[in-house]
Amino acid sequence: VVFLDVTVQRRLEASEQLSRSQLMRVQEVAQVGSWVWRLPDG
């Protein structure tokens, strides 16, 4: 039974999710939208 510690990875993912939520809230208040194109053909 091999234990792979992903504690730091999970914290980073949670922080990224929080930042994304905060950005969405700021855009909603400021009425500014954004878009992302995942290059080259995404």
PDB file of all heavy atoms in Angstrom:
ATOM      1  N   VAL A   1       0.877  -1.178   0.000  1.00  0.00           N
ATOM      2  CA  VAL A   1       0.000   0.000   0.000  1.00  0.00           C
ATOM      3  C   VAL A   1       0.913   1.225   0.000  1.00  0.00           C
ATOM      4  O   VAL A   1       1.606   1.493   0.978  1.00  0.00           O
ATOM      5  CB  VAL A   1      -0.932  -0.013   1.218  1.00  0.00           C
ATOM      6  CG1 VAL A   1      -1.844   1.213   1.184  1.00  0.00           C
ATOM      7  CG2 VAL A   1      -1.753  -1.296   1.248  1.00  0.00           C
ATOM      8  N   VAL A   2       0.922   1.933  -1.117  1.00  0.00           N
ATOM      9  CA  VAL A   2       1.825   3.062  -1.326  1.00  0.00           C
ATOM     10  C   VAL A   2       1.053   4.364  -1.105  1.00  0.00           C
ATOM     11  O   VAL A   2       0.013   4.585  -1.733  1.00  0.00           O
ATOM     12  CB  VAL A   2       2.422   3.032  -2.744  1.00  0.00           C
ATOM     13  CG1 VAL A   2       3.413   4.176  -2.939  1.00  0.00           C
ATOM     14  CG2 VAL A   2       3.095   1.686  -3.012  1.00  0.00           C
ATOM     15  N   PHE A   3       1.560   5.214  -0.226  1.00  0.00           N
ATOM     16  CA  PHE A   3       0.898   6.469   0.123  1.00  0.00           C
ATOM     17  C   PHE A   3       1.606   7.631  -0.574  1.00  0.00           C
ATOM     18  O   PHE A   3       2.768   7.924  -0.273  1.00  0.00           O
ATOM     19  CB  PHE A   3       0.923   6.689   1.644  1.00  0.00           C
ATOM     20  CG  PHE A   3       0.114   5.693   2.410  1.00  0.00           C
ATOM     21  CD1 PHE A   3       0.611   4.425   2.667  1.00  0.00           C
ATOM     22  CD2 PHE A   3      -1.153   6.023   2.881  1.00  0.00           C
ATOM     23  CE1 PHE A   3      -0.140   3.497   3.378  1.00  0.00           C
ATOM     24  CE2 PHE A   3      -1.905   5.104   3.601  1.00  0.00           C
ATOM     25  CZ  PHE A   3      -1.403   3.840   3.846  1.00  0.00           C
ATOM     26  N   LEU A   4       0.906   8.304  -1.485  1.00  0.00           N
ATOM     27  CA  LEU A   4       1.462   9.447  -2.195  1.00  0.00           C
ATOM     28  C   LEU A   4       0.857  10.720  -1.608  1.00  0.00           C
ATOM     29  O   LEU A   4      -0.353  10.953  -1.707  1.00  0.00           O
ATOM     30  CB  LEU A   4       1.149   9.341  -3.690  1.00  0.00           C
ATOM     31  CG  LEU A   4       1.618   8.033  -4.363  1.00  0.00           C
ATOM     32  CD1 LEU A   4       1.141   7.989  -5.800  1.00  0.00           C
ATOM     33  CD2 LEU A   4       3.128   7.913  -4.288  1.00  0.00           C
ATOM     34  N   ASP A   5       1.689  11.531  -0.982  1.00  0.00           N
ATOM     35  CA  ASP A   5       1.223  12.744  -0.303  1.00  0.00           C
ATOM     36  C   ASP A   5       0.898  13.826  -1.329  1.00  0.00           C
ATOM     37  O   ASP A   5       1.784  14.309  -2.041  1.00  0.00           O
ATOM     38  CB  ASP A   5       2.301  13.231   0.665  1.00  0.00           C
ATOM     39  CG  ASP A   5       1.793  14.320   1.608  1.00  0.00           C
ATOM     40  OD1 ASP A   5       0.760  14.945   1.296  1.00  0.00           O
ATOM     41  OD2 ASP A   5       2.432  14.537   2.647  1.00  0.00           O
ATOM     42  N   VAL A   6      -0.373  14.211  -1.411  1.00  0.00           N
ATOM     43  CA  VAL A   6      -0.802  15.258  -2.346  1.00  0.00           C
ATOM     44  C   VAL A   6      -1.369  16.459  -1.583  1.00  0.00           C
ATOM     45  O   VAL A   6      -2.148  17.224  -2.120  1.00  0.00           O
ATOM     46  CB  VAL A   6      -1.848  14.717  -3.346  1.00  0.00           C
ATOM     47  CG1 VAL A   6      -1.236  13.651  -4.243  1.00  0.00           C
ATOM     48  CG2 VAL A   6      -3.077  14.152  -2.627  1.00  0.00           C
ATOM     49  N   THR A   7      -0.956  16.616  -0.321  1.00  0.00           N
ATOM     50  CA  THR A   7      -1.478  17.700   0.511  1.00  0.00           C
ATOM     51  C   THR A   7      -1.220  19.061  -0.112  1.00  0.00           C
ATOM     52  O   THR A   7      -2.127  19.889  -0.237  1.00  0.00           O
ATOM     53  CB  THR A   7      -0.847  17.643   1.912  1.00  0.00           C
ATOM     54  OG1 THR A   7      -1.035  16.327   2.471  1.00  0.00           O
ATOM     55  CG2 THR A   7      -1.470  18.674   2.829  1.00  0.00           C
ATOM     56  N   VAL A   8       0.025  19.326  -0.527  1.00  0.00           N
ATOM     57  CA  VAL A   8       0.378  20.627  -1.105  1.00  0.00           C
ATOM     58  C   VAL A   8      -0.386  20.850  -2.408  1.00  0.00           C
ATOM     59  O   VAL A   8      -0.908  21.933  -2.667  1.00  0.00           O
ATOM     60  CB  VAL A   8       1.901  20.713  -1.337  1.00  0.00           C
ATOM     61  CG1 VAL A   8       2.256  21.995  -2.083  1.00  0.00           C
ATOM     62  CG2 VAL A   8       2.645  20.650  -0.015  1.00  0.00           C
ATOM     63  N   GLN A   9      -0.459  19.801  -3.233  1.00  0.00           N
ATOM     64  CA  GLN A   9      -1.184  19.916  -4.492  1.00  0.00           C
ATOM     65  C   GLN A   9      -2.641  20.291  -4.257  1.00  0.00           C
ATOM     66  O   GLN A   9      -3.202  21.139  -4.947  1.00  0.00           O
ATOM     67  CB  GLN A   9      -1.103  18.584  -5.245  1.00  0.00           C
ATOM     68  CG  GLN A   9      -1.879  18.558  -6.546  1.00  0.00           C
ATOM     69  CD  GLN A   9      -1.850  17.184  -7.184  1.00  0.00           C
ATOM     70  OE1 GLN A   9      -0.924  16.410  -6.984  1.00  0.00           O
ATOM     71  NE2 GLN A   9      -2.877  16.882  -7.953  1.00  0.00           N
ATOM     72  N   ARG A  10      -3.273  19.668  -3.269  1.00  0.00           N
ATOM     73  CA  ARG A  10      -4.673  19.974  -2.969  1.00  0.00           C
ATOM     74  C   ARG A  10      -4.837  21.406  -2.469  1.00  0.00           C
ATOM     75  O   ARG A  10      -5.808  22.084  -2.800  1.00  0.00           O
ATOM     76  CB  ARG A  10      -5.199  18.990  -1.923  1.00  0.00           C
ATOM     77  CG  ARG A  10      -5.435  17.606  -2.479  1.00  0.00           C
ATOM     78  CD  ARG A  10      -6.691  17.583  -3.304  1.00  0.00           C
ATOM     79  NE  ARG A  10      -6.614  16.560  -4.334  1.00  0.00           N
ATOM     80  CZ  ARG A  10      -7.616  16.205  -5.117  1.00  0.00           C
ATOM     81  NH1 ARG A  10      -8.774  16.825  -4.996  1.00  0.00           N
ATOM     82  NH2 ARG A  10      -7.472  15.293  -6.041  1.00  0.00           N
ATOM     83  N   ARG A  11      -3.895  21.880  -1.674  1.00  0.00           N
ATOM     84  CA  ARG A  11      -3.967  23.256  -1.186  1.00  0.00           C
ATOM     85  C   ARG A  11      -3.852  24.242  -2.340  1.00  0.00           C
ATOM     86  O   ARG A  11      -4.558  25.257  -2.384  1.00  0.00           O
ATOM     87  CB  ARG A  11      -2.865  23.509  -0.165  1.00  0.00           C
ATOM     88  CG  ARG A  11      -3.115  22.842   1.191  1.00  0.00           C
ATOM     89  CD  ARG A  11      -1.936  23.023   2.108  1.00  0.00           C
ATOM     90  NE  ARG A  11      -2.168  22.364   3.391  1.00  0.00           N
ATOM     91  CZ  ARG A  11      -1.207  22.122   4.281  1.00  0.00           C
ATOM     92  NH1 ARG A  11       0.040  22.497   4.028  1.00  0.00           N
ATOM     93  NH2 ARG A  11      -1.492  21.523   5.424  1.00  0.00           N
ATOM     94  N   LEU A  12      -2.952  23.952  -3.285  1.00  0.00           N
ATOM     95  CA  LEU A  12      -2.799  24.826  -4.446  1.00  0.00           C
ATOM     96  C   LEU A  12      -4.071  24.840  -5.289  1.00  0.00           C
ATOM     97  O   LEU A  12      -4.492  25.889  -5.784  1.00  0.00           O
ATOM     98  CB  LEU A  12      -1.603  24.375  -5.285  1.00  0.00           C
ATOM     99  CG  LEU A  12      -0.220  24.592  -4.668  1.00  0.00           C
ATOM    100  CD1 LEU A  12       0.857  23.975  -5.545  1.00  0.00           C
ATOM    101  CD2 LEU A  12       0.050  26.081  -4.473  1.00  0.00           C
ATOM    102  N   GLU A  13      -4.678  23.659  -5.464  1.00  0.00           N
ATOM    103  CA  GLU A  13      -5.912  23.587  -6.237  1.00  0.00           C
ATOM    104  C   GLU A  13      -7.030  24.380  -5.558  1.00  0.00           C
ATOM    105  O   GLU A  13      -7.800  25.075  -6.219  1.00  0.00           O
ATOM    106  CB  GLU A  13      -6.332  22.126  -6.412  1.00  0.00           C
ATOM    107  CG  GLU A  13      -5.419  21.343  -7.349  1.00  0.00           C
ATOM    108  CD  GLU A  13      -5.759  19.868  -7.376  1.00  0.00           C
ATOM    109  OE1 GLU A  13      -6.621  19.433  -6.573  1.00  0.00           O
ATOM    110  OE2 GLU A  13      -5.160  19.132  -8.191  1.00  0.00           O
ATOM    111  N   ALA A  14      -7.098  24.270  -4.218  1.00  0.00           N
ATOM    112  CA  ALA A  14      -8.126  25.016  -3.489  1.00  0.00           C
ATOM    113  C   ALA A  14      -7.888  26.516  -3.601  1.00  0.00           C
ATOM    114  O   ALA A  14      -8.821  27.301  -3.765  1.00  0.00           O
ATOM    115  CB  ALA A  14      -8.131  24.592  -2.019  1.00  0.00           C
ATOM    116  N   SER A  15      -6.612  26.926  -3.543  1.00  0.00           N
ATOM    117  CA  SER A  15      -6.282  28.345  -3.675  1.00  0.00           C
ATOM    118  C   SER A  15      -6.625  28.855  -5.065  1.00  0.00           C
ATOM    119  O   SER A  15      -7.150  29.958  -5.234  1.00  0.00           O
ATOM    120  CB  SER A  15      -4.790  28.557  -3.393  1.00  0.00           C
ATOM    121  OG  SER A  15      -4.423  29.895  -3.593  1.00  0.00           O
ATOM    122  N   GLU A  16      -6.344  28.028  -6.078  1.00  0.00           N
ATOM    123  CA  GLU A  16      -6.659  28.413  -7.459  1.00  0.00           C
ATOM    124  C   GLU A  16      -8.167  28.554  -7.645  1.00  0.00           C
ATOM    125  O   GLU A  16      -8.640  29.481  -8.304  1.00  0.00           O
ATOM    126  CB  GLU A  16      -6.104  27.370  -8.421  1.00  0.00           C
ATOM    127  CG  GLU A  16      -6.355  27.689  -9.886  1.00  0.00           C
ATOM    128  CD  GLU A  16      -5.811  26.613 -10.803  1.00  0.00           C
ATOM    129  OE1 GLU A  16      -5.008  25.778 -10.341  1.00  0.00           O
ATOM    130  OE2 GLU A  16      -6.196  26.599 -11.978  1.00  0.00           O
ATOM    131  N   GLN A  17      -8.916  27.629  -7.035  1.00  0.00           N
ATOM    132  CA  GLN A  17     -10.369  27.692  -7.136  1.00  0.00           C
ATOM    133  C   GLN A  17     -10.902  28.959  -6.460  1.00  0.00           C
ATOM    134  O   GLN A  17     -11.811  29.618  -6.972  1.00  0.00           O
ATOM    135  CB  GLN A  17     -10.995  26.452  -6.504  1.00  0.00           C
ATOM    136  CG  GLN A  17     -12.510  26.402  -6.574  1.00  0.00           C
ATOM    137  CD  GLN A  17     -13.026  26.373  -7.998  1.00  0.00           C
ATOM    138  OE1 GLN A  17     -12.461  25.695  -8.852  1.00  0.00           O
ATOM    139  NE2 GLN A  17     -14.102  27.091  -8.278  1.00  0.00           N
ATOM    140  N   LEU A  18     -10.323  29.314  -5.308  1.00  0.00           N
ATOM    141  CA  LEU A  18     -10.735  30.527  -4.609  1.00  0.00           C
ATOM    142  C   LEU A  18     -10.432  31.755  -5.451  1.00  0.00           C
ATOM    143  O   LEU A  18     -11.256  32.663  -5.573  1.00  0.00           O
ATOM    144  CB  LEU A  18     -10.019  30.618  -3.261  1.00  0.00           C
ATOM    145  CG  LEU A  18     -10.301  31.882  -2.423  1.00  0.00           C
ATOM    146  CD1 LEU A  18     -11.784  31.986  -2.098  1.00  0.00           C
ATOM    147  CD2 LEU A  18      -9.470  31.866  -1.149  1.00  0.00           C
ATOM    148  N   SER A  19      -9.235  31.782  -6.062  1.00  0.00           N
ATOM    149  CA  SER A  19      -8.865  32.921  -6.901  1.00  0.00           C
ATOM    150  C   SER A  19      -9.816  33.040  -8.086  1.00  0.00           C
ATOM    151  O   SER A  19     -10.206  34.143  -8.480  1.00  0.00           O
ATOM    152  CB  SER A  19      -7.424  32.753  -7.404  1.00  0.00           C
ATOM    153  OG  SER A  19      -6.519  32.745  -6.325  1.00  0.00           O
ATOM    154  N   ARG A  20     -10.194  31.913  -8.668  1.00  0.00           N
ATOM    155  CA  ARG A  20     -11.123  31.931  -9.804  1.00  0.00           C
ATOM    156  C   ARG A  20     -12.484  32.477  -9.372  1.00  0.00           C
ATOM    157  O   ARG A  20     -13.099  33.281 -10.082  1.00  0.00           O
ATOM    158  CB  ARG A  20     -11.262  30.517 -10.374  1.00  0.00           C
ATOM    159  CG  ARG A  20     -12.013  30.472 -11.700  1.00  0.00           C
ATOM    160  CD  ARG A  20     -12.126  29.053 -12.230  1.00  0.00           C
ATOM    161  NE  ARG A  20     -10.811  28.482 -12.469  1.00  0.00           N
ATOM    162  CZ  ARG A  20     -10.312  27.444 -11.817  1.00  0.00           C
ATOM    163  NH1 ARG A  20     -11.016  26.859 -10.857  1.00  0.00           N
ATOM    164  NH2 ARG A  20      -9.122  26.982 -12.110  1.00  0.00           N
ATOM    165  N   SER A  21     -12.937  32.074  -8.192  1.00  0.00           N
ATOM    166  CA  SER A  21     -14.225  32.558  -7.684  1.00  0.00           C
ATOM    167  C   SER A  21     -14.178  34.058  -7.427  1.00  0.00           C
ATOM    168  O   SER A  21     -15.131  34.783  -7.719  1.00  0.00           O
ATOM    169  CB  SER A  21     -14.598  31.814  -6.398  1.00  0.00           C
ATOM    170  OG  SER A  21     -14.732  30.431  -6.635  1.00  0.00           O
ATOM    171  N   GLN A  22     -13.055  34.527  -6.861  1.00  0.00           N
ATOM    172  CA  GLN A  22     -12.906  35.958  -6.602  1.00  0.00           C
ATOM    173  C   GLN A  22     -12.887  36.752  -7.903  1.00  0.00           C
ATOM    174  O   GLN A  22     -13.493  37.823  -8.000  1.00  0.00           O
ATOM    175  CB  GLN A  22     -11.623  36.205  -5.806  1.00  0.00           C
ATOM    176  CG  GLN A  22     -11.691  35.693  -4.367  1.00  0.00           C
ATOM    177  CD  GLN A  22     -10.361  35.766  -3.665  1.00  0.00           C
ATOM    178  OE1 GLN A  22      -9.306  35.738  -4.298  1.00  0.00           O
ATOM    179  NE2 GLN A  22     -10.402  35.838  -2.342  1.00  0.00           N
ATOM    180  N   LEU A  23     -12.191  36.229  -8.931  1.00  0.00           N
ATOM    181  CA  LEU A  23     -12.147  36.903 -10.220  1.00  0.00           C
ATOM    182  C   LEU A  23     -13.540  37.010 -10.825  1.00  0.00           C
ATOM    183  O   LEU A  23     -13.930  38.061 -11.356  1.00  0.00           O
ATOM    184  CB  LEU A  23     -11.210  36.161 -11.170  1.00  0.00           C
ATOM    185  CG  LEU A  23     -11.162  36.674 -12.621  1.00  0.00           C
ATOM    186  CD1 LEU A  23     -10.682  38.118 -12.655  1.00  0.00           C
ATOM    187  CD2 LEU A  23     -10.284  35.777 -13.484  1.00  0.00           C
ATOM    188  N   MET A  24     -14.322  35.940 -10.740  1.00  0.00           N
ATOM    189  CA  MET A  24     -15.681  35.953 -11.288  1.00  0.00           C
ATOM    190  C   MET A  24     -16.536  37.005 -10.585  1.00  0.00           C
ATOM    191  O   MET A  24     -17.329  37.701 -11.219  1.00  0.00           O
ATOM    192  CB  MET A  24     -16.300  34.561 -11.155  1.00  0.00           C
ATOM    193  CG  MET A  24     -15.686  33.512 -12.072  1.00  0.00           C
ATOM    194  SD  MET A  24     -16.284  31.836 -11.733  1.00  0.00           S
ATOM    195  CE  MET A  24     -18.031  32.022 -12.036  1.00  0.00           C
ATOM    196  N   ARG A  25     -16.350  37.125  -9.266  1.00  0.00           N
ATOM    197  CA  ARG A  25     -17.123  38.114  -8.515  1.00  0.00           C
ATOM    198  C   ARG A  25     -16.738  39.536  -8.920  1.00  0.00           C
ATOM    199  O   ARG A  25     -17.600  40.399  -9.109  1.00  0.00           O
ATOM    200  CB  ARG A  25     -16.884  37.904  -7.009  1.00  0.00           C
ATOM    201  CG  ARG A  25     -17.599  38.912  -6.129  1.00  0.00           C
ATOM    202  CD  ARG A  25     -19.088  38.907  -6.343  1.00  0.00           C
ATOM    203  NE  ARG A  25     -19.761  39.888  -5.511  1.00  0.00           N
ATOM    204  CZ  ARG A  25     -20.965  40.375  -5.747  1.00  0.00           C
ATOM    205  NH1 ARG A  25     -21.642  39.976  -6.818  1.00  0.00           N
ATOM    206  NH2 ARG A  25     -21.502  41.238  -4.926  1.00  0.00           N
ATOM    207  N   VAL A  26     -15.422  39.780  -9.077  1.00  0.00           N
ATOM    208  CA  VAL A  26     -14.964  41.107  -9.488  1.00  0.00           C
ATOM    209  C   VAL A  26     -15.503  41.459 -10.872  1.00  0.00           C
ATOM    210  O   VAL A  26     -15.960  42.579 -11.124  1.00  0.00           O
ATOM    211  CB  VAL A  26     -13.417  41.164  -9.476  1.00  0.00           C
ATOM    212  CG1 VAL A  26     -12.914  42.426 -10.162  1.00  0.00           C
ATOM    213  CG2 VAL A  26     -12.893  41.095  -8.051  1.00  0.00           C
ATOM    214  N   GLN A  27     -15.474  40.492 -11.796  1.00  0.00           N
ATOM    215  CA  GLN A  27     -15.983  40.738 -13.139  1.00  0.00           C
ATOM    216  C   GLN A  27     -17.475  41.050 -13.109  1.00  0.00           C
ATOM    217  O   GLN A  27     -17.956  41.911 -13.852  1.00  0.00           O
ATOM    218  CB  GLN A  27     -15.709  39.534 -14.039  1.00  0.00           C
ATOM    219  CG  GLN A  27     -14.246  39.355 -14.391  1.00  0.00           C
ATOM    220  CD  GLN A  27     -14.038  38.245 -15.407  1.00  0.00           C
ATOM    221  OE1 GLN A  27     -14.948  37.485 -15.715  1.00  0.00           O
ATOM    222  NE2 GLN A  27     -12.827  38.149 -15.929  1.00  0.00           N
ATOM    223  N   GLU A  28     -18.190  40.338 -12.249  1.00  0.00           N
ATOM    224  CA  GLU A  28     -19.627  40.577 -12.151  1.00  0.00           C
ATOM    225  C   GLU A  28     -19.922  41.995 -11.669  1.00  0.00           C
ATOM    226  O   GLU A  28     -20.783  42.695 -12.210  1.00  0.00           O
ATOM    227  CB  GLU A  28     -20.246  39.550 -11.203  1.00  0.00           C
ATOM    228  CG  GLU A  28     -21.749  39.703 -11.024  1.00  0.00           C
ATOM    229  CD  GLU A  28     -22.312  38.718 -10.030  1.00  0.00           C
ATOM    230  OE1 GLU A  28     -21.560  37.865  -9.523  1.00  0.00           O
ATOM    231  OE2 GLU A  28     -23.521  38.810  -9.735  1.00  0.00           O
ATOM    232  N   VAL A  29     -19.184  42.447 -10.648  1.00  0.00           N
ATOM    233  CA  VAL A  29     -19.400  43.786 -10.099  1.00  0.00           C
ATOM    234  C   VAL A  29     -19.008  44.858 -11.111  1.00  0.00           C
ATOM    235  O   VAL A  29     -19.714  45.857 -11.303  1.00  0.00           O
ATOM    236  CB  VAL A  29     -18.600  43.964  -8.786  1.00  0.00           C
ATOM    237  CG1 VAL A  29     -18.652  45.400  -8.314  1.00  0.00           C
ATOM    238  CG2 VAL A  29     -19.157  43.031  -7.714  1.00  0.00           C
ATOM    239  N   ALA A  30     -17.870  44.649 -11.798  1.00  0.00           N
ATOM    240  CA  ALA A  30     -17.367  45.649 -12.739  1.00  0.00           C
ATOM    241  C   ALA A  30     -17.995  45.524 -14.115  1.00  0.00           C
ATOM    242  O   ALA A  30     -17.768  46.376 -14.974  1.00  0.00           O
ATOM    243  CB  ALA A  30     -15.853  45.520 -12.861  1.00  0.00           C
ATOM    244  N   GLN A  31     -18.779  44.467 -14.332  1.00  0.00           N
ATOM    245  CA  GLN A  31     -19.376  44.197 -15.640  1.00  0.00           C
ATOM    246  C   GLN A  31     -18.300  44.134 -16.730  1.00  0.00           C
ATOM    247  O   GLN A  31     -18.366  44.781 -17.772  1.00  0.00           O
ATOM    248  CB  GLN A  31     -20.431  45.241 -15.985  1.00  0.00           C
ATOM    249  CG  GLN A  31     -21.646  45.199 -15.063  1.00  0.00           C
ATOM    250  CD  GLN A  31     -22.769  46.109 -15.510  1.00  0.00           C
ATOM    251  OE1 GLN A  31     -22.538  47.188 -16.049  1.00  0.00           O
ATOM    252  NE2 GLN A  31     -23.998  45.663 -15.285  1.00  0.00           N
ATOM    253  N   VAL A  32     -17.281  43.322 -16.439  1.00  0.00           N
ATOM    254  CA  VAL A  32     -16.184  43.084 -17.378  1.00  0.00           C
ATOM    255  C   VAL A  32     -16.079  41.580 -17.579  1.00  0.00           C
ATOM    256  O   VAL A  32     -16.046  40.814 -16.613  1.00  0.00           O
ATOM    257  CB  VAL A  32     -14.845  43.636 -16.828  1.00  0.00           C
ATOM    258  CG1 VAL A  32     -13.693  43.248 -17.751  1.00  0.00           C
ATOM    259  CG2 VAL A  32     -14.927  45.137 -16.667  1.00  0.00           C
ATOM    260  N   GLY A  33     -16.033  41.156 -18.824  1.00  0.00           N
ATOM    261  CA  GLY A  33     -15.909  39.732 -19.122  1.00  0.00           C
ATOM    262  C   GLY A  33     -14.500  39.376 -19.560  1.00  0.00           C
ATOM    263  O   GLY A  33     -13.660  40.241 -19.815  1.00  0.00           O
ATOM    264  N   SER A  34     -14.206  38.075 -19.624  1.00  0.00           N
ATOM    265  CA  SER A  34     -12.903  37.610 -20.095  1.00  0.00           C
ATOM    266  C   SER A  34     -13.077  36.284 -20.823  1.00  0.00           C
ATOM    267  O   SER A  34     -14.066  35.574 -20.620  1.00  0.00           O
ATOM    268  CB  SER A  34     -11.926  37.444 -18.928  1.00  0.00           C
ATOM    269  OG  SER A  34     -12.385  36.432 -18.043  1.00  0.00           O
ATOM    270  N   TRP A  35     -12.113  35.981 -21.688  1.00  0.00           N
ATOM    271  CA  TRP A  35     -12.140  34.694 -22.374  1.00  0.00           C
ATOM    272  C   TRP A  35     -10.712  34.184 -22.525  1.00  0.00           C
ATOM    273  O   TRP A  35      -9.752  34.944 -22.488  1.00  0.00           O
ATOM    274  CB  TRP A  35     -12.831  34.791 -23.731  1.00  0.00           C
ATOM    275  CG  TRP A  35     -12.259  35.810 -24.693  1.00  0.00           C
ATOM    276  CD1 TRP A  35     -12.583  37.129 -24.769  1.00  0.00           C
ATOM    277  CD2 TRP A  35     -11.269  35.585 -25.692  1.00  0.00           C
ATOM    278  NE1 TRP A  35     -11.855  37.750 -25.762  1.00  0.00           N
ATOM    279  CE2 TRP A  35     -11.040  36.829 -26.350  1.00  0.00           C
ATOM    280  CE3 TRP A  35     -10.554  34.468 -26.097  1.00  0.00           C
ATOM    281  CZ2 TRP A  35     -10.122  36.963 -27.392  1.00  0.00           C
ATOM    282  CZ3 TRP A  35      -9.637  34.597 -27.135  1.00  0.00           C
ATOM    283  CH2 TRP A  35      -9.436  35.838 -27.769  1.00  0.00           C
ATOM    284  N   VAL A  36     -10.577  32.876 -22.651  1.00  0.00           N
ATOM    285  CA  VAL A  36      -9.269  32.224 -22.764  1.00  0.00           C
ATOM    286  C   VAL A  36      -9.314  31.290 -23.958  1.00  0.00           C
ATOM    287  O   VAL A  36     -10.244  30.484 -24.108  1.00  0.00           O
ATOM    288  CB  VAL A  36      -8.930  31.420 -21.484  1.00  0.00           C
ATOM    289  CG1 VAL A  36      -7.607  30.681 -21.655  1.00  0.00           C
ATOM    290  CG2 VAL A  36      -8.874  32.345 -20.279  1.00  0.00           C
ATOM    291  N   TRP A  37      -8.292  31.382 -24.798  1.00  0.00           N
ATOM    292  CA  TRP A  37      -8.151  30.465 -25.937  1.00  0.00           C
ATOM    293  C   TRP A  37      -6.939  29.595 -25.666  1.00  0.00           C
ATOM    294  O   TRP A  37      -5.818  30.090 -25.573  1.00  0.00           O
ATOM    295  CB  TRP A  37      -7.980  31.265 -27.211  1.00  0.00           C
ATOM    296  CG  TRP A  37      -7.838  30.423 -28.463  1.00  0.00           C
ATOM    297  CD1 TRP A  37      -7.891  29.059 -28.551  1.00  0.00           C
ATOM    298  CD2 TRP A  37      -7.604  30.905 -29.788  1.00  0.00           C
ATOM    299  NE1 TRP A  37      -7.713  28.661 -29.849  1.00  0.00           N
ATOM    300  CE2 TRP A  37      -7.536  29.763 -30.631  1.00  0.00           C
ATOM    301  CE3 TRP A  37      -7.446  32.172 -30.322  1.00  0.00           C
ATOM    302  CZ2 TRP A  37      -7.305  29.881 -32.003  1.00  0.00           C
ATOM    303  CZ3 TRP A  37      -7.219  32.276 -31.688  1.00  0.00           C
ATOM    304  CH2 TRP A  37      -7.157  31.148 -32.518  1.00  0.00           C
ATOM    305  N   ARG A  38      -7.154  28.305 -25.526  1.00  0.00           N
ATOM    306  CA  ARG A  38      -6.064  27.367 -25.261  1.00  0.00           C
ATOM    307  C   ARG A  38      -5.403  26.993 -26.580  1.00  0.00           C
ATOM    308  O   ARG A  38      -5.872  26.122 -27.310  1.00  0.00           O
ATOM    309  CB  ARG A  38      -6.595  26.125 -24.532  1.00  0.00           C
ATOM    310  CG  ARG A  38      -7.061  26.453 -23.125  1.00  0.00           C
ATOM    311  CD  ARG A  38      -7.570  25.235 -22.399  1.00  0.00           C
ATOM    312  NE  ARG A  38      -7.945  25.556 -21.037  1.00  0.00           N
ATOM    313  CZ  ARG A  38      -8.582  24.718 -20.227  1.00  0.00           C
ATOM    314  NH1 ARG A  38      -8.933  23.517 -20.657  1.00  0.00           N
ATOM    315  NH2 ARG A  38      -8.884  25.077 -18.995  1.00  0.00           N
ATOM    316  N   LEU A  39      -4.297  27.663 -26.859  1.00  0.00           N
ATOM    317  CA  LEU A  39      -3.585  27.462 -28.120  1.00  0.00           C
ATOM    318  C   LEU A  39      -2.900  26.105 -28.161  1.00  0.00           C
ATOM    319  O   LEU A  39      -2.604  25.525 -27.113  1.00  0.00           O
ATOM    320  CB  LEU A  39      -2.549  28.577 -28.291  1.00  0.00           C
ATOM    321  CG  LEU A  39      -3.131  29.993 -28.397  1.00  0.00           C
ATOM    322  CD1 LEU A  39      -2.001  31.012 -28.365  1.00  0.00           C
ATOM    323  CD2 LEU A  39      -3.967  30.154 -29.652  1.00  0.00           C
ATOM    324  N   PRO A  40      -2.628  25.547 -29.354  1.00  0.00           N
ATOM    325  CA  PRO A  40      -2.875  26.179 -30.647  1.00  0.00           C
ATOM    326  C   PRO A  40      -4.277  25.950 -31.223  1.00  0.00           C
ATOM    327  O   PRO A  40      -4.764  26.728 -32.007  1.00  0.00           O
ATOM    328  CB  PRO A  40      -1.832  25.501 -31.545  1.00  0.00           C
ATOM    329  CG  PRO A  40      -1.708  24.130 -30.955  1.00  0.00           C
ATOM    330  CD  PRO A  40      -1.858  24.303 -29.471  1.00  0.00           C
ATOM    331  N   ASP A  41      -4.898  24.864 -30.849  1.00  0.00           N
ATOM    332  CA  ASP A  41      -6.202  24.567 -31.463  1.00  0.00           C
ATOM    333  C   ASP A  41      -7.237  24.131 -30.436  1.00  0.00           C
ATOM    334  O   ASP A  41      -8.192  23.434 -30.748  1.00  0.00           O
ATOM    335  CB  ASP A  41      -6.059  23.490 -32.544  1.00  0.00           C
ATOM    336  CG  ASP A  41      -5.370  22.235 -32.023  1.00  0.00           C
ATOM    337  OD1 ASP A  41      -5.083  22.186 -30.813  1.00  0.00           O
ATOM    338  OD2 ASP A  41      -5.112  21.324 -32.820  1.00  0.00           O
ATOM    339  N   GLY A  42      -7.009  24.521 -29.185  1.00  0.00           N
ATOM    340  CA  GLY A  42      -7.946  24.150 -28.130  1.00  0.00           C
ATOM    341  C   GLY A  42      -9.189  25.016 -28.156  1.00  0.00           C
ATOM    342  O   GLY A  42      -9.326  25.927 -28.975  1.00  0.00           O
TER     343      GLY A  42
END
